[in-house]
Amino acid sequence: VSMAHDHGSMTDDKKSTSDSENADQDLSNKKSGEIVMDKSVDETFRLQLTNVYKTHLELMNAFLATQSSRAKTEASAVQLSLEKVDMGLVNGEMHNQWMMAVPKLNSTLGQIRNSEDIEAQRLAFADFSEALYSAIKMFGVVNETIYFQYCPMARDGKGAYWLSTIKEIKNPYYGDAMISCGETKEIIKLTY
């Protein structure tokens, strides 16, 4: 499925904010609960996004094991899963929202694949996790309970989030060094 096409109505104004401004806005949305899921999104699309989430868990496991080469391989698997998401299944504003999410997901996966440095890969994973969280909150997944977890020490004390299937903290940003550092910030229960 090709993800390139003309949007015509999308203006440069929508694309003019920087990644850091978008990240700040995303974080404020998380805190205030402004990301609202559209329950009319096609179930097939949700299933495809669920598959991206499930595939990303092996990428997270590579970081838990502090395995840079495995992270590269798993990032490629997540990329393939992402490419299988059919954007034609969402319309209107939701389509535009997906088209704004995809570049961030793709670029962060590319950063992981193109780096040999586990710390640089982990920084990219933090950005990927936030973008995936926003997509999941907006579009939903099928029959998953997701733990949105946070480590205040990651990114040199700026903090970083990740998504997990388990309540127990397994911090992907420090491997064995600080495996239990963090807390659950939100439990996302989506059963659509």
N, C-alpha and C. Protein backbone atom coordinates (compact mmCIF):
# COMPACT_ATOMS: atom_id res chain seq x y z
N VAL A 1 0.85 -1.18 0.00
CA VAL A 1 0.00 0.00 0.00
C VAL A 1 0.88 1.23 0.00
N SER A 2 0.69 2.05 -0.97
CA SER A 2 1.47 3.28 -1.06
C SER A 2 0.90 4.32 -0.11
N MET A 3 1.79 5.06 0.55
CA MET A 3 1.33 6.09 1.47
C MET A 3 1.51 7.49 0.89
N ALA A 4 1.90 7.59 -0.37
CA ALA A 4 2.13 8.89 -0.96
C ALA A 4 0.95 9.27 -1.84
N HIS A 5 0.41 10.44 -1.63
CA HIS A 5 -0.62 10.98 -2.48
C HIS A 5 -0.83 12.44 -2.14
N ASP A 6 -1.57 13.13 -3.01
CA ASP A 6 -1.78 14.57 -2.86
C ASP A 6 -2.95 14.84 -1.93
N HIS A 7 -2.74 15.73 -0.97
CA HIS A 7 -3.82 16.09 -0.06
C HIS A 7 -4.49 17.39 -0.45
N GLY A 8 -3.91 18.16 -1.32
CA GLY A 8 -4.53 19.38 -1.78
C GLY A 8 -4.92 20.34 -0.68
N SER A 9 -5.84 19.96 0.20
CA SER A 9 -6.37 20.88 1.20
C SER A 9 -5.48 21.06 2.41
N MET A 10 -4.45 20.23 2.55
CA MET A 10 -3.54 20.41 3.70
C MET A 10 -2.66 21.62 3.43
N THR A 11 -2.63 22.53 4.38
CA THR A 11 -1.84 23.75 4.20
C THR A 11 -0.51 23.64 4.91
N ASP A 12 0.40 24.49 4.51
CA ASP A 12 1.70 24.53 5.18
C ASP A 12 1.55 24.94 6.63
N ASP A 13 0.48 25.67 6.96
CA ASP A 13 0.27 26.08 8.35
C ASP A 13 0.19 24.86 9.27
N LYS A 14 -0.45 23.80 8.81
CA LYS A 14 -0.58 22.60 9.64
C LYS A 14 0.77 21.91 9.83
N LYS A 15 1.68 22.12 8.89
CA LYS A 15 2.96 21.43 8.94
C LYS A 15 4.07 22.30 9.49
N SER A 16 3.79 23.52 9.91
CA SER A 16 4.84 24.47 10.24
C SER A 16 5.40 24.32 11.65
N THR A 17 4.76 23.57 12.53
CA THR A 17 5.29 23.44 13.88
C THR A 17 6.45 22.46 13.89
N SER A 18 7.40 22.73 14.76
CA SER A 18 8.57 21.87 14.86
C SER A 18 8.23 20.59 15.60
N ASP A 19 9.12 19.58 15.49
CA ASP A 19 8.92 18.32 16.21
C ASP A 19 8.82 18.55 17.70
N SER A 20 9.66 19.46 18.23
CA SER A 20 9.61 19.69 19.67
C SER A 20 8.31 20.37 20.08
N GLU A 21 7.80 21.28 19.24
CA GLU A 21 6.51 21.88 19.55
C GLU A 21 5.40 20.85 19.49
N ASN A 22 5.49 19.95 18.47
CA ASN A 22 4.49 18.88 18.37
C ASN A 22 4.58 17.96 19.57
N ALA A 23 5.78 17.64 20.01
CA ALA A 23 5.95 16.77 21.17
C ALA A 23 5.37 17.44 22.41
N ASP A 24 5.64 18.75 22.57
CA ASP A 24 5.08 19.47 23.71
C ASP A 24 3.55 19.46 23.66
N GLN A 25 3.00 19.67 22.45
CA GLN A 25 1.55 19.66 22.30
C GLN A 25 1.01 18.27 22.60
N ASP A 26 1.66 17.22 22.08
CA ASP A 26 1.23 15.86 22.34
C ASP A 26 1.23 15.57 23.83
N LEU A 27 2.29 16.00 24.53
CA LEU A 27 2.37 15.74 25.96
C LEU A 27 1.27 16.49 26.70
N SER A 28 0.98 17.71 26.29
CA SER A 28 -0.10 18.44 26.96
C SER A 28 -1.43 17.77 26.67
N ASN A 29 -1.59 17.22 25.47
CA ASN A 29 -2.81 16.49 25.16
C ASN A 29 -2.95 15.28 26.06
N LYS A 30 -1.86 14.56 26.30
CA LYS A 30 -1.91 13.38 27.16
C LYS A 30 -2.36 13.77 28.55
N LYS A 31 -1.80 14.86 29.04
CA LYS A 31 -2.10 15.27 30.41
C LYS A 31 -3.53 15.77 30.54
N SER A 32 -4.05 16.43 29.51
CA SER A 32 -5.39 16.99 29.62
C SER A 32 -6.44 16.08 29.01
N GLY A 33 -6.02 14.97 28.40
CA GLY A 33 -6.97 14.04 27.82
C GLY A 33 -7.63 14.53 26.55
N GLU A 34 -6.98 15.42 25.80
CA GLU A 34 -7.59 16.00 24.62
C GLU A 34 -7.53 15.10 23.39
N ILE A 35 -6.73 14.06 23.40
CA ILE A 35 -6.71 13.14 22.27
C ILE A 35 -7.97 12.30 22.39
N VAL A 36 -8.84 12.44 21.42
CA VAL A 36 -10.13 11.78 21.48
C VAL A 36 -10.21 10.74 20.37
N MET A 37 -10.53 9.50 20.75
CA MET A 37 -10.64 8.43 19.78
C MET A 37 -11.93 8.58 18.98
N ASP A 38 -11.81 8.37 17.69
CA ASP A 38 -12.95 8.38 16.80
C ASP A 38 -13.45 6.94 16.69
N LYS A 39 -14.57 6.66 17.32
CA LYS A 39 -15.10 5.30 17.36
C LYS A 39 -15.68 4.85 16.02
N SER A 40 -15.75 5.74 15.06
CA SER A 40 -16.27 5.35 13.75
C SER A 40 -15.17 4.81 12.82
N VAL A 41 -13.93 4.78 13.29
CA VAL A 41 -12.83 4.29 12.46
C VAL A 41 -13.06 2.81 12.13
N ASP A 42 -12.84 2.47 10.90
CA ASP A 42 -13.04 1.11 10.40
C ASP A 42 -12.29 0.08 11.25
N GLU A 43 -12.94 -1.03 11.57
CA GLU A 43 -12.31 -2.05 12.42
C GLU A 43 -11.08 -2.66 11.75
N THR A 44 -11.08 -2.79 10.44
CA THR A 44 -9.91 -3.33 9.75
C THR A 44 -8.71 -2.43 9.97
N PHE A 45 -8.93 -1.12 9.92
CA PHE A 45 -7.85 -0.17 10.20
C PHE A 45 -7.34 -0.36 11.62
N ARG A 46 -8.26 -0.50 12.58
CA ARG A 46 -7.87 -0.72 13.98
C ARG A 46 -7.06 -2.01 14.12
N LEU A 47 -7.48 -3.05 13.42
CA LEU A 47 -6.73 -4.32 13.47
C LEU A 47 -5.32 -4.15 12.92
N GLN A 48 -5.20 -3.39 11.85
CA GLN A 48 -3.88 -3.14 11.27
C GLN A 48 -3.01 -2.34 12.23
N LEU A 49 -3.60 -1.34 12.89
CA LEU A 49 -2.85 -0.56 13.87
C LEU A 49 -2.50 -1.43 15.09
N THR A 50 -3.40 -2.32 15.46
CA THR A 50 -3.12 -3.27 16.54
C THR A 50 -1.90 -4.11 16.19
N ASN A 51 -1.79 -4.52 14.94
CA ASN A 51 -0.64 -5.31 14.51
C ASN A 51 0.66 -4.50 14.60
N VAL A 52 0.60 -3.22 14.29
CA VAL A 52 1.79 -2.36 14.45
C VAL A 52 2.19 -2.35 15.92
N TYR A 53 1.21 -2.15 16.81
CA TYR A 53 1.49 -2.15 18.25
C TYR A 53 2.12 -3.47 18.69
N LYS A 54 1.53 -4.59 18.28
CA LYS A 54 2.04 -5.90 18.69
C LYS A 54 3.45 -6.14 18.14
N THR A 55 3.68 -5.73 16.90
CA THR A 55 5.00 -5.90 16.30
C THR A 55 6.03 -5.03 17.02
N HIS A 56 5.62 -3.86 17.46
CA HIS A 56 6.55 -2.96 18.15
C HIS A 56 7.04 -3.56 19.48
N LEU A 57 6.29 -4.50 20.04
CA LEU A 57 6.69 -5.10 21.33
C LEU A 57 8.03 -5.83 21.22
N GLU A 58 8.30 -6.43 20.08
CA GLU A 58 9.60 -7.09 19.89
C GLU A 58 10.73 -6.06 19.78
N LEU A 59 10.41 -4.90 19.23
CA LEU A 59 11.39 -3.81 19.19
C LEU A 59 11.69 -3.37 20.62
N MET A 60 10.66 -3.21 21.43
CA MET A 60 10.87 -2.85 22.83
C MET A 60 11.72 -3.91 23.53
N ASN A 61 11.45 -5.18 23.25
CA ASN A 61 12.23 -6.26 23.87
C ASN A 61 13.71 -6.19 23.49
N ALA A 62 14.00 -5.73 22.28
CA ALA A 62 15.40 -5.56 21.87
C ALA A 62 16.08 -4.51 22.74
N PHE A 63 15.34 -3.46 23.08
CA PHE A 63 15.90 -2.43 23.96
C PHE A 63 16.03 -2.92 25.39
N LEU A 64 15.10 -3.74 25.82
CA LEU A 64 15.20 -4.34 27.15
C LEU A 64 16.47 -5.17 27.26
N ALA A 65 16.83 -5.84 26.17
CA ALA A 65 18.01 -6.71 26.15
C ALA A 65 19.28 -5.94 25.74
N THR A 66 19.15 -4.64 25.47
CA THR A 66 20.26 -3.78 25.03
C THR A 66 20.98 -4.40 23.82
N GLN A 67 20.20 -4.71 22.79
CA GLN A 67 20.72 -5.34 21.58
C GLN A 67 20.46 -4.44 20.37
N SER A 68 21.46 -3.68 20.01
CA SER A 68 21.35 -2.71 18.93
C SER A 68 21.03 -3.37 17.59
N SER A 69 21.71 -4.45 17.25
CA SER A 69 21.46 -5.09 15.96
C SER A 69 20.06 -5.69 15.90
N ARG A 70 19.60 -6.23 17.01
CA ARG A 70 18.23 -6.76 17.06
C ARG A 70 17.22 -5.62 16.94
N ALA A 71 17.51 -4.47 17.54
CA ALA A 71 16.62 -3.32 17.43
C ALA A 71 16.48 -2.89 15.97
N LYS A 72 17.57 -2.92 15.22
CA LYS A 72 17.52 -2.58 13.80
C LYS A 72 16.60 -3.54 13.05
N THR A 73 16.75 -4.83 13.33
CA THR A 73 15.92 -5.85 12.67
C THR A 73 14.46 -5.68 13.03
N GLU A 74 14.19 -5.46 14.31
CA GLU A 74 12.80 -5.31 14.76
C GLU A 74 12.17 -4.02 14.25
N ALA A 75 12.96 -2.96 14.12
CA ALA A 75 12.45 -1.71 13.55
C ALA A 75 11.99 -1.94 12.11
N SER A 76 12.73 -2.77 11.38
CA SER A 76 12.33 -3.11 10.02
C SER A 76 11.01 -3.87 10.02
N ALA A 77 10.82 -4.77 10.97
CA ALA A 77 9.57 -5.52 11.07
C ALA A 77 8.40 -4.59 11.39
N VAL A 78 8.63 -3.63 12.28
CA VAL A 78 7.57 -2.67 12.60
C VAL A 78 7.26 -1.83 11.36
N GLN A 79 8.29 -1.45 10.62
CA GLN A 79 8.10 -0.67 9.40
C GLN A 79 7.22 -1.43 8.41
N LEU A 80 7.48 -2.72 8.23
CA LEU A 80 6.67 -3.53 7.33
C LEU A 80 5.22 -3.58 7.80
N SER A 81 5.03 -3.72 9.09
CA SER A 81 3.68 -3.73 9.66
C SER A 81 2.98 -2.39 9.42
N LEU A 82 3.70 -1.31 9.59
CA LEU A 82 3.16 0.03 9.38
C LEU A 82 2.76 0.22 7.92
N GLU A 83 3.56 -0.30 7.01
CA GLU A 83 3.26 -0.17 5.58
C GLU A 83 1.99 -0.91 5.19
N LYS A 84 1.58 -1.88 5.98
CA LYS A 84 0.37 -2.65 5.69
C LYS A 84 -0.91 -1.97 6.19
N VAL A 85 -0.76 -0.86 6.91
CA VAL A 85 -1.94 -0.12 7.36
C VAL A 85 -2.53 0.61 6.15
N ASP A 86 -3.77 0.33 5.86
CA ASP A 86 -4.45 0.90 4.69
C ASP A 86 -5.10 2.22 5.05
N MET A 87 -4.43 3.31 4.68
CA MET A 87 -4.94 4.64 5.01
C MET A 87 -6.24 4.94 4.28
N GLY A 88 -6.55 4.18 3.25
CA GLY A 88 -7.81 4.36 2.54
C GLY A 88 -9.02 4.01 3.38
N LEU A 89 -8.79 3.37 4.52
CA LEU A 89 -9.89 2.98 5.40
C LEU A 89 -10.33 4.10 6.33
N VAL A 90 -9.57 5.21 6.35
CA VAL A 90 -9.98 6.36 7.16
C VAL A 90 -10.22 7.55 6.24
N ASN A 91 -11.21 8.34 6.61
CA ASN A 91 -11.64 9.44 5.74
C ASN A 91 -11.58 10.78 6.46
N GLY A 92 -11.65 11.82 5.66
CA GLY A 92 -11.78 13.18 6.19
C GLY A 92 -10.65 13.56 7.12
N GLU A 93 -11.02 14.18 8.25
CA GLU A 93 -10.03 14.66 9.20
C GLU A 93 -9.21 13.52 9.78
N MET A 94 -9.81 12.35 9.97
CA MET A 94 -9.06 11.21 10.50
C MET A 94 -7.98 10.78 9.52
N HIS A 95 -8.27 10.85 8.24
CA HIS A 95 -7.26 10.54 7.22
C HIS A 95 -6.11 11.53 7.33
N ASN A 96 -6.44 12.81 7.47
CA ASN A 96 -5.40 13.84 7.61
C ASN A 96 -4.56 13.60 8.87
N GLN A 97 -5.22 13.22 9.96
CA GLN A 97 -4.50 12.94 11.20
C GLN A 97 -3.53 11.77 11.01
N TRP A 98 -3.98 10.72 10.33
CA TRP A 98 -3.10 9.58 10.07
C TRP A 98 -1.92 10.00 9.20
N MET A 99 -2.19 10.83 8.20
CA MET A 99 -1.13 11.27 7.30
C MET A 99 -0.11 12.16 8.03
N MET A 100 -0.53 12.79 9.11
CA MET A 100 0.43 13.57 9.90
C MET A 100 1.20 12.67 10.87
N ALA A 101 0.62 11.54 11.26
CA ALA A 101 1.29 10.62 12.18
C ALA A 101 2.34 9.76 11.48
N VAL A 102 2.06 9.35 10.26
CA VAL A 102 2.92 8.41 9.54
C VAL A 102 4.36 8.90 9.38
N PRO A 103 4.60 10.16 8.99
CA PRO A 103 6.00 10.59 8.83
C PRO A 103 6.82 10.46 10.12
N LYS A 104 6.23 10.77 11.26
CA LYS A 104 6.96 10.66 12.53
C LYS A 104 7.26 9.20 12.85
N LEU A 105 6.28 8.34 12.65
CA LEU A 105 6.49 6.91 12.88
C LEU A 105 7.60 6.39 11.95
N ASN A 106 7.53 6.75 10.68
CA ASN A 106 8.53 6.29 9.71
C ASN A 106 9.92 6.84 10.01
N SER A 107 10.00 8.13 10.32
CA SER A 107 11.33 8.72 10.53
C SER A 107 12.01 8.14 11.77
N THR A 108 11.25 7.90 12.82
CA THR A 108 11.87 7.36 14.03
C THR A 108 12.31 5.91 13.82
N LEU A 109 11.51 5.15 13.08
CA LEU A 109 11.93 3.78 12.76
C LEU A 109 13.19 3.80 11.89
N GLY A 110 13.27 4.76 10.97
CA GLY A 110 14.46 4.90 10.14
C GLY A 110 15.69 5.25 10.97
N GLN A 111 15.51 6.10 11.97
CA GLN A 111 16.63 6.45 12.85
C GLN A 111 17.13 5.22 13.60
N ILE A 112 16.22 4.37 14.03
CA ILE A 112 16.63 3.15 14.74
C ILE A 112 17.37 2.22 13.78
N ARG A 113 16.83 2.04 12.58
CA ARG A 113 17.45 1.14 11.60
C ARG A 113 18.82 1.62 11.15
N ASN A 114 19.00 2.93 11.09
CA ASN A 114 20.23 3.49 10.53
C ASN A 114 21.31 3.79 11.56
N SER A 115 21.09 3.41 12.80
CA SER A 115 22.07 3.68 13.85
C SER A 115 22.64 2.38 14.42
N GLU A 116 23.88 2.45 14.81
CA GLU A 116 24.53 1.34 15.52
C GLU A 116 24.59 1.62 17.01
N ASP A 117 24.25 2.84 17.40
CA ASP A 117 24.37 3.31 18.77
C ASP A 117 23.06 3.07 19.53
N ILE A 118 23.09 2.19 20.51
CA ILE A 118 21.89 1.83 21.26
C ILE A 118 21.24 3.03 21.92
N GLU A 119 22.04 3.97 22.39
CA GLU A 119 21.46 5.16 23.05
C GLU A 119 20.72 6.04 22.05
N ALA A 120 21.29 6.22 20.86
CA ALA A 120 20.60 6.99 19.80
C ALA A 120 19.33 6.26 19.38
N GLN A 121 19.40 4.95 19.30
CA GLN A 121 18.22 4.16 18.95
C GLN A 121 17.13 4.32 20.01
N ARG A 122 17.53 4.33 21.26
CA ARG A 122 16.55 4.49 22.35
C ARG A 122 15.88 5.87 22.31
N LEU A 123 16.64 6.89 21.97
CA LEU A 123 16.05 8.23 21.83
C LEU A 123 15.00 8.23 20.72
N ALA A 124 15.31 7.58 19.61
CA ALA A 124 14.34 7.48 18.52
C ALA A 124 13.13 6.65 18.94
N PHE A 125 13.37 5.60 19.73
CA PHE A 125 12.27 4.77 20.22
C PHE A 125 11.33 5.58 21.12
N ALA A 126 11.88 6.50 21.89
CA ALA A 126 11.04 7.36 22.74
C ALA A 126 10.11 8.20 21.87
N ASP A 127 10.63 8.75 20.79
CA ASP A 127 9.80 9.54 19.88
C ASP A 127 8.77 8.66 19.18
N PHE A 128 9.20 7.46 18.77
CA PHE A 128 8.27 6.52 18.14
C PHE A 128 7.14 6.16 19.10
N SER A 129 7.49 5.89 20.35
CA SER A 129 6.48 5.49 21.34
C SER A 129 5.43 6.57 21.55
N GLU A 130 5.86 7.82 21.59
CA GLU A 130 4.91 8.92 21.75
C GLU A 130 4.00 9.05 20.53
N ALA A 131 4.56 8.89 19.34
CA ALA A 131 3.76 8.97 18.11
C ALA A 131 2.77 7.80 18.04
N LEU A 132 3.23 6.61 18.42
CA LEU A 132 2.34 5.44 18.41
C LEU A 132 1.23 5.60 19.45
N TYR A 133 1.58 6.11 20.62
CA TYR A 133 0.57 6.38 21.65
C TYR A 133 -0.53 7.30 21.10
N SER A 134 -0.12 8.39 20.47
CA SER A 134 -1.10 9.34 19.93
C SER A 134 -2.00 8.68 18.89
N ALA A 135 -1.41 7.85 18.03
CA ALA A 135 -2.20 7.15 17.00
C ALA A 135 -3.19 6.18 17.65
N ILE A 136 -2.72 5.44 18.65
CA ILE A 136 -3.60 4.49 19.33
C ILE A 136 -4.73 5.21 20.04
N LYS A 137 -4.42 6.31 20.69
CA LYS A 137 -5.47 7.07 21.38
C LYS A 137 -6.49 7.63 20.40
N MET A 138 -6.05 8.00 19.23
CA MET A 138 -6.94 8.62 18.26
C MET A 138 -7.76 7.57 17.49
N PHE A 139 -7.11 6.50 17.05
CA PHE A 139 -7.77 5.54 16.16
C PHE A 139 -8.24 4.28 16.88
N GLY A 140 -7.58 3.93 17.98
CA GLY A 140 -7.94 2.74 18.72
C GLY A 140 -7.26 1.49 18.18
N VAL A 141 -7.26 0.47 19.00
CA VAL A 141 -6.78 -0.86 18.63
C VAL A 141 -7.87 -1.84 19.05
N VAL A 142 -7.68 -3.11 18.74
CA VAL A 142 -8.71 -4.10 18.99
C VAL A 142 -8.29 -5.04 20.13
N ASN A 143 -9.12 -5.10 21.16
CA ASN A 143 -8.96 -6.05 22.27
C ASN A 143 -7.59 -6.04 22.92
N GLU A 144 -7.12 -4.87 23.29
CA GLU A 144 -5.83 -4.74 23.95
C GLU A 144 -5.96 -3.89 25.20
N THR A 145 -5.23 -4.27 26.24
CA THR A 145 -5.02 -3.40 27.38
C THR A 145 -3.56 -2.97 27.30
N ILE A 146 -3.36 -1.66 27.22
CA ILE A 146 -2.02 -1.11 27.01
C ILE A 146 -1.65 -0.24 28.21
N TYR A 147 -0.45 -0.47 28.72
CA TYR A 147 0.06 0.32 29.83
C TYR A 147 1.00 1.37 29.25
N PHE A 148 0.63 2.62 29.45
CA PHE A 148 1.44 3.74 28.99
C PHE A 148 2.33 4.12 30.15
N GLN A 149 3.63 3.85 30.00
CA GLN A 149 4.56 3.96 31.12
C GLN A 149 5.60 5.03 30.87
N TYR A 150 6.22 5.48 31.97
CA TYR A 150 7.09 6.65 31.91
C TYR A 150 8.31 6.47 32.81
N CYS A 151 9.46 6.84 32.26
CA CYS A 151 10.70 6.87 33.03
C CYS A 151 11.17 8.32 33.11
N PRO A 152 11.25 8.89 34.31
CA PRO A 152 11.67 10.29 34.44
C PRO A 152 13.16 10.50 34.17
N MET A 153 13.95 9.45 34.20
CA MET A 153 15.40 9.56 34.04
C MET A 153 15.85 9.58 32.57
N ALA A 154 15.04 9.00 31.68
CA ALA A 154 15.42 8.88 30.27
C ALA A 154 15.59 10.26 29.65
N ARG A 155 16.29 10.29 28.54
CA ARG A 155 16.57 11.54 27.80
C ARG A 155 17.23 12.58 28.70
N ASP A 156 18.21 12.14 29.44
CA ASP A 156 18.96 13.04 30.32
C ASP A 156 18.06 13.80 31.29
N GLY A 157 17.12 13.07 31.88
CA GLY A 157 16.23 13.66 32.88
C GLY A 157 14.99 14.34 32.33
N LYS A 158 14.83 14.33 31.01
CA LYS A 158 13.63 14.92 30.41
C LYS A 158 12.47 13.94 30.43
N GLY A 159 12.78 12.65 30.58
CA GLY A 159 11.74 11.63 30.65
C GLY A 159 11.36 11.08 29.28
N ALA A 160 10.84 9.86 29.30
CA ALA A 160 10.38 9.21 28.07
C ALA A 160 9.31 8.19 28.41
N TYR A 161 8.41 8.00 27.47
CA TYR A 161 7.29 7.07 27.61
C TYR A 161 7.53 5.82 26.78
N TRP A 162 6.78 4.78 27.09
CA TRP A 162 6.71 3.58 26.25
C TRP A 162 5.38 2.90 26.49
N LEU A 163 5.03 1.98 25.59
CA LEU A 163 3.79 1.23 25.66
C LEU A 163 4.10 -0.22 25.99
N SER A 164 3.33 -0.81 26.88
CA SER A 164 3.60 -2.17 27.32
C SER A 164 2.30 -2.96 27.46
N THR A 165 2.42 -4.27 27.41
CA THR A 165 1.28 -5.16 27.62
C THR A 165 1.13 -5.53 29.09
N ILE A 166 2.14 -5.20 29.90
CA ILE A 166 2.13 -5.62 31.31
C ILE A 166 2.22 -4.43 32.24
N LYS A 167 1.61 -4.57 33.41
CA LYS A 167 1.63 -3.50 34.40
C LYS A 167 3.02 -3.34 35.01
N GLU A 168 3.72 -4.46 35.19
CA GLU A 168 5.06 -4.43 35.76
C GLU A 168 5.97 -3.56 34.88
N ILE A 169 6.76 -2.71 35.51
CA ILE A 169 7.67 -1.82 34.78
C ILE A 169 8.87 -2.62 34.26
N LYS A 170 9.05 -2.54 32.96
CA LYS A 170 10.22 -3.10 32.27
C LYS A 170 10.74 -1.98 31.37
N ASN A 171 11.64 -1.17 31.90
CA ASN A 171 12.10 0.05 31.27
C ASN A 171 13.04 -0.24 30.09
N PRO A 172 12.63 0.12 28.86
CA PRO A 172 13.48 -0.15 27.69
C PRO A 172 14.62 0.83 27.51
N TYR A 173 14.67 1.87 28.33
CA TYR A 173 15.67 2.91 28.12
C TYR A 173 16.98 2.66 28.83
N TYR A 174 17.01 1.74 29.75
CA TYR A 174 18.25 1.48 30.49
C TYR A 174 18.62 0.00 30.57
N GLY A 175 17.85 -0.88 29.97
CA GLY A 175 18.16 -2.30 30.05
C GLY A 175 18.21 -2.77 31.48
N ASP A 176 19.15 -3.64 31.80
CA ASP A 176 19.27 -4.20 33.15
C ASP A 176 19.66 -3.15 34.20
N ALA A 177 20.27 -2.05 33.77
CA ALA A 177 20.77 -1.06 34.73
C ALA A 177 19.66 -0.46 35.60
N MET A 178 18.51 -0.22 34.99
CA MET A 178 17.39 0.40 35.74
C MET A 178 16.07 -0.17 35.22
N ILE A 179 15.99 -1.47 35.13
CA ILE A 179 14.86 -2.14 34.50
C ILE A 179 13.52 -1.78 35.13
N SER A 180 13.50 -1.50 36.42
CA SER A 180 12.21 -1.23 37.09
C SER A 180 11.97 0.26 37.35
N CYS A 181 12.79 1.13 36.74
CA CYS A 181 12.62 2.57 36.93
C CYS A 181 11.44 3.05 36.08
N GLY A 182 10.46 3.61 36.72
CA GLY A 182 9.34 4.17 35.98
C GLY A 182 8.02 3.93 36.66
N GLU A 183 6.97 4.37 36.00
CA GLU A 183 5.63 4.21 36.54
C GLU A 183 4.62 4.16 35.40
N THR A 184 3.47 3.59 35.68
CA THR A 184 2.38 3.57 34.72
C THR A 184 1.64 4.90 34.82
N LYS A 185 1.52 5.59 33.70
CA LYS A 185 0.83 6.87 33.66
C LYS A 185 -0.63 6.73 33.25
N GLU A 186 -0.91 5.69 32.46
CA GLU A 186 -2.27 5.52 31.95
C GLU A 186 -2.46 4.06 31.56
N ILE A 187 -3.66 3.58 31.76
CA ILE A 187 -4.04 2.25 31.27
C ILE A 187 -5.08 2.48 30.18
N ILE A 188 -4.75 2.02 29.00
CA ILE A 188 -5.64 2.19 27.85
C ILE A 188 -6.34 0.86 27.62
N LYS A 189 -7.63 0.84 27.83
CA LYS A 189 -8.40 -0.39 27.62
C LYS A 189 -9.32 -0.17 26.44
N LEU A 190 -8.98 -0.80 25.36
CA LEU A 190 -9.75 -0.65 24.14
C LEU A 190 -10.25 -2.01 23.69
N THR A 191 -11.52 -2.16 23.62
CA THR A 191 -12.09 -3.46 23.30
C THR A 191 -13.01 -3.38 22.08
N TYR A 192 -12.69 -2.50 21.14
CA TYR A 192 -13.55 -2.35 19.96
C TYR A 192 -13.26 -3.41 18.96
